[in-house]
Amino acid sequence: MNAYIDKPSQAWSLFTYFQFAVAACMMAGGIYFLDATFAAKGFYAMSAIMLVSSTAGITKAIRDAEESTRLHNKLEDARTERLLAEVGESEVA
């Protein structure tokens, strides 16, 4: 059983951090230069922070669910291999 580990490249990681930084700066600039009251700007800023936070949370939940499925599949494969090995040994003997 070959375990394929999917790791992102250093370039991809750097690109995603840069993309997040640019998006955050653009959002902050848009809120800062918005023609609205201070309370409205505060509301937009809080909702933007909440959106980023919930996006990170849901991404982690999806990733954790997939990783737990992978672990469950590995355990099932190991049990199946052990069972086949035991059956193979009993047939030979």
N, C-alpha and C. Protein backbone atom coordinates (compact mmCIF):
# COMPACT_ATOMS: atom_id res chain seq x y z
N MET A 1 0.86 -1.18 0.00
CA MET A 1 0.00 0.00 0.00
C MET A 1 0.90 1.24 0.00
N ASN A 2 0.83 2.02 -1.04
CA ASN A 2 1.60 3.25 -1.15
C ASN A 2 0.79 4.40 -0.60
N ALA A 3 1.42 5.14 0.29
CA ALA A 3 0.74 6.30 0.88
C ALA A 3 1.17 7.55 0.11
N TYR A 4 0.25 8.14 -0.60
CA TYR A 4 0.53 9.37 -1.34
C TYR A 4 0.21 10.55 -0.43
N ILE A 5 1.20 11.37 -0.18
CA ILE A 5 1.02 12.55 0.66
C ILE A 5 1.03 13.77 -0.24
N ASP A 6 -0.09 14.46 -0.29
CA ASP A 6 -0.23 15.62 -1.14
C ASP A 6 0.19 16.86 -0.37
N LYS A 7 1.37 17.38 -0.68
CA LYS A 7 1.87 18.58 -0.01
C LYS A 7 1.91 19.73 -1.01
N PRO A 8 1.44 20.90 -0.59
CA PRO A 8 1.52 22.05 -1.51
C PRO A 8 2.97 22.52 -1.65
N SER A 9 3.26 23.06 -2.82
CA SER A 9 4.61 23.56 -3.05
C SER A 9 4.82 24.87 -2.29
N GLN A 10 6.07 25.23 -2.14
CA GLN A 10 6.42 26.48 -1.45
C GLN A 10 5.87 27.68 -2.23
N ALA A 11 5.91 27.60 -3.55
CA ALA A 11 5.39 28.70 -4.38
C ALA A 11 3.89 28.88 -4.17
N TRP A 12 3.16 27.77 -4.10
CA TRP A 12 1.71 27.85 -3.90
C TRP A 12 1.40 28.45 -2.53
N SER A 13 2.11 28.03 -1.49
CA SER A 13 1.88 28.58 -0.16
C SER A 13 2.16 30.08 -0.13
N LEU A 14 3.26 30.49 -0.75
CA LEU A 14 3.59 31.91 -0.81
C LEU A 14 2.52 32.69 -1.56
N PHE A 15 2.04 32.14 -2.67
CA PHE A 15 1.00 32.79 -3.45
C PHE A 15 -0.28 32.96 -2.64
N THR A 16 -0.68 31.94 -1.89
CA THR A 16 -1.92 32.05 -1.11
C THR A 16 -1.79 33.09 0.00
N TYR A 17 -0.63 33.15 0.65
CA TYR A 17 -0.43 34.19 1.68
C TYR A 17 -0.47 35.58 1.06
N PHE A 18 0.19 35.74 -0.07
CA PHE A 18 0.20 37.03 -0.77
C PHE A 18 -1.21 37.41 -1.20
N GLN A 19 -1.95 36.45 -1.73
CA GLN A 19 -3.32 36.70 -2.17
C GLN A 19 -4.19 37.15 -1.00
N PHE A 20 -4.05 36.50 0.15
CA PHE A 20 -4.82 36.89 1.33
C PHE A 20 -4.45 38.31 1.76
N ALA A 21 -3.16 38.63 1.79
CA ALA A 21 -2.71 39.95 2.21
C ALA A 21 -3.25 41.05 1.29
N VAL A 22 -3.21 40.80 -0.02
CA VAL A 22 -3.73 41.79 -0.98
C VAL A 22 -5.23 41.97 -0.78
N ALA A 23 -5.97 40.88 -0.63
CA ALA A 23 -7.42 40.97 -0.44
C ALA A 23 -7.76 41.70 0.86
N ALA A 24 -7.02 41.42 1.92
CA ALA A 24 -7.28 42.09 3.20
C ALA A 24 -6.99 43.59 3.10
N CYS A 25 -5.91 43.96 2.43
CA CYS A 25 -5.59 45.38 2.25
C CYS A 25 -6.64 46.10 1.40
N MET A 26 -7.09 45.44 0.35
CA MET A 26 -8.12 46.04 -0.50
C MET A 26 -9.43 46.21 0.27
N MET A 27 -9.79 45.22 1.07
CA MET A 27 -11.02 45.31 1.85
C MET A 27 -10.90 46.43 2.89
N ALA A 28 -9.76 46.50 3.58
CA ALA A 28 -9.57 47.54 4.58
C ALA A 28 -9.59 48.93 3.93
N GLY A 29 -8.93 49.08 2.77
CA GLY A 29 -8.95 50.36 2.06
C GLY A 29 -10.35 50.73 1.61
N GLY A 30 -11.10 49.76 1.13
CA GLY A 30 -12.47 50.02 0.70
C GLY A 30 -13.35 50.49 1.85
N ILE A 31 -13.18 49.87 3.00
CA ILE A 31 -13.97 50.28 4.18
C ILE A 31 -13.51 51.66 4.65
N TYR A 32 -12.20 51.91 4.64
CA TYR A 32 -11.67 53.19 5.13
C TYR A 32 -12.16 54.35 4.26
N PHE A 33 -12.15 54.18 2.95
CA PHE A 33 -12.54 55.26 2.05
C PHE A 33 -14.04 55.30 1.74
N LEU A 34 -14.82 54.47 2.38
CA LEU A 34 -16.26 54.43 2.17
C LEU A 34 -16.91 55.69 2.72
N ASP A 35 -17.83 56.28 1.96
CA ASP A 35 -18.57 57.44 2.43
C ASP A 35 -19.72 56.97 3.31
N ALA A 36 -19.42 56.76 4.57
CA ALA A 36 -20.43 56.28 5.52
C ALA A 36 -20.02 56.74 6.91
N THR A 37 -20.92 56.57 7.84
CA THR A 37 -20.62 56.94 9.22
C THR A 37 -19.61 55.97 9.80
N PHE A 38 -19.04 56.37 10.92
CA PHE A 38 -18.08 55.52 11.61
C PHE A 38 -18.73 54.21 12.05
N ALA A 39 -19.99 54.27 12.47
CA ALA A 39 -20.71 53.07 12.89
C ALA A 39 -20.90 52.10 11.73
N ALA A 40 -21.22 52.61 10.57
CA ALA A 40 -21.40 51.75 9.40
C ALA A 40 -20.07 51.11 8.99
N LYS A 41 -19.00 51.89 9.04
CA LYS A 41 -17.68 51.34 8.73
C LYS A 41 -17.31 50.25 9.73
N GLY A 42 -17.65 50.47 10.99
CA GLY A 42 -17.38 49.46 12.01
C GLY A 42 -18.16 48.18 11.75
N PHE A 43 -19.41 48.32 11.34
CA PHE A 43 -20.22 47.16 11.02
C PHE A 43 -19.62 46.38 9.87
N TYR A 44 -19.21 47.07 8.81
CA TYR A 44 -18.61 46.40 7.67
C TYR A 44 -17.29 45.71 8.07
N ALA A 45 -16.51 46.38 8.89
CA ALA A 45 -15.23 45.80 9.33
C ALA A 45 -15.48 44.54 10.17
N MET A 46 -16.44 44.60 11.09
CA MET A 46 -16.75 43.42 11.92
C MET A 46 -17.27 42.27 11.06
N SER A 47 -18.13 42.57 10.10
CA SER A 47 -18.67 41.50 9.26
C SER A 47 -17.58 40.91 8.37
N ALA A 48 -16.63 41.72 7.91
CA ALA A 48 -15.54 41.21 7.10
C ALA A 48 -14.63 40.29 7.93
N ILE A 49 -14.34 40.70 9.16
CA ILE A 49 -13.52 39.86 10.04
C ILE A 49 -14.24 38.55 10.35
N MET A 50 -15.53 38.63 10.60
CA MET A 50 -16.31 37.43 10.88
C MET A 50 -16.33 36.50 9.66
N LEU A 51 -16.44 37.06 8.47
CA LEU A 51 -16.45 36.26 7.25
C LEU A 51 -15.12 35.53 7.07
N VAL A 52 -14.01 36.21 7.28
CA VAL A 52 -12.69 35.59 7.16
C VAL A 52 -12.54 34.49 8.21
N SER A 53 -12.97 34.76 9.43
CA SER A 53 -12.87 33.78 10.50
C SER A 53 -13.70 32.53 10.21
N SER A 54 -14.93 32.72 9.76
CA SER A 54 -15.79 31.57 9.47
C SER A 54 -15.29 30.79 8.26
N THR A 55 -14.70 31.48 7.29
CA THR A 55 -14.13 30.79 6.13
C THR A 55 -12.97 29.90 6.57
N ALA A 56 -12.11 30.41 7.45
CA ALA A 56 -11.01 29.59 7.96
C ALA A 56 -11.56 28.40 8.75
N GLY A 57 -12.59 28.62 9.53
CA GLY A 57 -13.18 27.53 10.32
C GLY A 57 -13.80 26.45 9.47
N ILE A 58 -14.54 26.83 8.46
CA ILE A 58 -15.19 25.83 7.62
C ILE A 58 -14.16 25.09 6.77
N THR A 59 -13.10 25.78 6.35
CA THR A 59 -12.04 25.11 5.61
C THR A 59 -11.36 24.06 6.47
N LYS A 60 -11.11 24.39 7.73
CA LYS A 60 -10.50 23.43 8.65
C LYS A 60 -11.43 22.26 8.90
N ALA A 61 -12.72 22.51 9.05
CA ALA A 61 -13.68 21.42 9.29
C ALA A 61 -13.74 20.46 8.10
N ILE A 62 -13.73 21.00 6.89
CA ILE A 62 -13.76 20.16 5.69
C ILE A 62 -12.48 19.34 5.59
N ARG A 63 -11.34 19.97 5.85
CA ARG A 63 -10.06 19.26 5.78
C ARG A 63 -9.98 18.17 6.84
N ASP A 64 -10.43 18.47 8.06
CA ASP A 64 -10.42 17.47 9.13
C ASP A 64 -11.32 16.29 8.81
N ALA A 65 -12.47 16.55 8.21
CA ALA A 65 -13.38 15.46 7.83
C ALA A 65 -12.73 14.57 6.78
N GLU A 66 -12.04 15.16 5.81
CA GLU A 66 -11.39 14.37 4.77
C GLU A 66 -10.23 13.56 5.35
N GLU A 67 -9.45 14.17 6.25
CA GLU A 67 -8.34 13.45 6.86
C GLU A 67 -8.83 12.30 7.73
N SER A 68 -9.94 12.48 8.43
CA SER A 68 -10.46 11.39 9.25
C SER A 68 -10.96 10.26 8.37
N THR A 69 -11.51 10.58 7.20
CA THR A 69 -11.93 9.55 6.25
C THR A 69 -10.73 8.78 5.75
N ARG A 70 -9.65 9.49 5.46
CA ARG A 70 -8.43 8.81 5.01
C ARG A 70 -7.91 7.86 6.08
N LEU A 71 -7.90 8.31 7.34
CA LEU A 71 -7.43 7.47 8.44
C LEU A 71 -8.33 6.25 8.59
N HIS A 72 -9.64 6.46 8.50
CA HIS A 72 -10.58 5.34 8.60
C HIS A 72 -10.33 4.34 7.48
N ASN A 73 -10.10 4.83 6.27
CA ASN A 73 -9.82 3.93 5.14
C ASN A 73 -8.52 3.18 5.35
N LYS A 74 -7.50 3.82 5.92
CA LYS A 74 -6.23 3.13 6.19
C LYS A 74 -6.43 2.03 7.22
N LEU A 75 -7.24 2.31 8.25
CA LEU A 75 -7.50 1.29 9.26
C LEU A 75 -8.26 0.10 8.66
N GLU A 76 -9.22 0.39 7.82
CA GLU A 76 -9.98 -0.68 7.17
C GLU A 76 -9.08 -1.50 6.25
N ASP A 77 -8.19 -0.84 5.51
CA ASP A 77 -7.26 -1.56 4.64
C ASP A 77 -6.32 -2.45 5.45
N ALA A 78 -5.84 -1.94 6.58
CA ALA A 78 -4.95 -2.73 7.43
C ALA A 78 -5.68 -3.95 7.99
N ARG A 79 -6.92 -3.78 8.41
CA ARG A 79 -7.70 -4.92 8.92
C ARG A 79 -7.92 -5.96 7.83
N THR A 80 -8.24 -5.49 6.64
CA THR A 80 -8.47 -6.41 5.52
C THR A 80 -7.19 -7.17 5.18
N GLU A 81 -6.05 -6.47 5.13
CA GLU A 81 -4.78 -7.13 4.84
C GLU A 81 -4.44 -8.16 5.91
N ARG A 82 -4.67 -7.82 7.16
CA ARG A 82 -4.39 -8.76 8.24
C ARG A 82 -5.28 -9.99 8.13
N LEU A 83 -6.56 -9.78 7.83
CA LEU A 83 -7.50 -10.89 7.68
C LEU A 83 -7.09 -11.78 6.50
N LEU A 84 -6.72 -11.19 5.39
CA LEU A 84 -6.28 -11.97 4.23
C LEU A 84 -5.00 -12.73 4.53
N ALA A 85 -4.08 -12.10 5.27
CA ALA A 85 -2.84 -12.78 5.65
C ALA A 85 -3.13 -13.97 6.55
N GLU A 86 -4.05 -13.82 7.50
CA GLU A 86 -4.41 -14.93 8.39
C GLU A 86 -5.08 -16.05 7.61
N VAL A 87 -5.95 -15.72 6.69
CA VAL A 87 -6.63 -16.74 5.89
C VAL A 87 -5.61 -17.44 5.00
N GLY A 88 -4.69 -16.70 4.41
CA GLY A 88 -3.65 -17.28 3.56
C GLY A 88 -2.74 -18.22 4.34
N GLU A 89 -2.41 -17.87 5.57
CA GLU A 89 -1.56 -18.72 6.40
C GLU A 89 -2.29 -20.02 6.78
N SER A 90 -3.58 -19.92 7.08
CA SER A 90 -4.34 -21.11 7.49
C SER A 90 -4.54 -22.06 6.32
N GLU A 91 -4.62 -21.55 5.09
CA GLU A 91 -4.78 -22.40 3.92
C GLU A 91 -3.48 -23.12 3.59
N VAL A 92 -2.34 -22.49 3.82
CA VAL A 92 -1.05 -23.07 3.53
C VAL A 92 -0.74 -24.19 4.53
N ALA A 93 -1.10 -23.97 5.77
CA ALA A 93 -0.79 -24.95 6.82
C ALA A 93 -1.63 -26.18 6.80
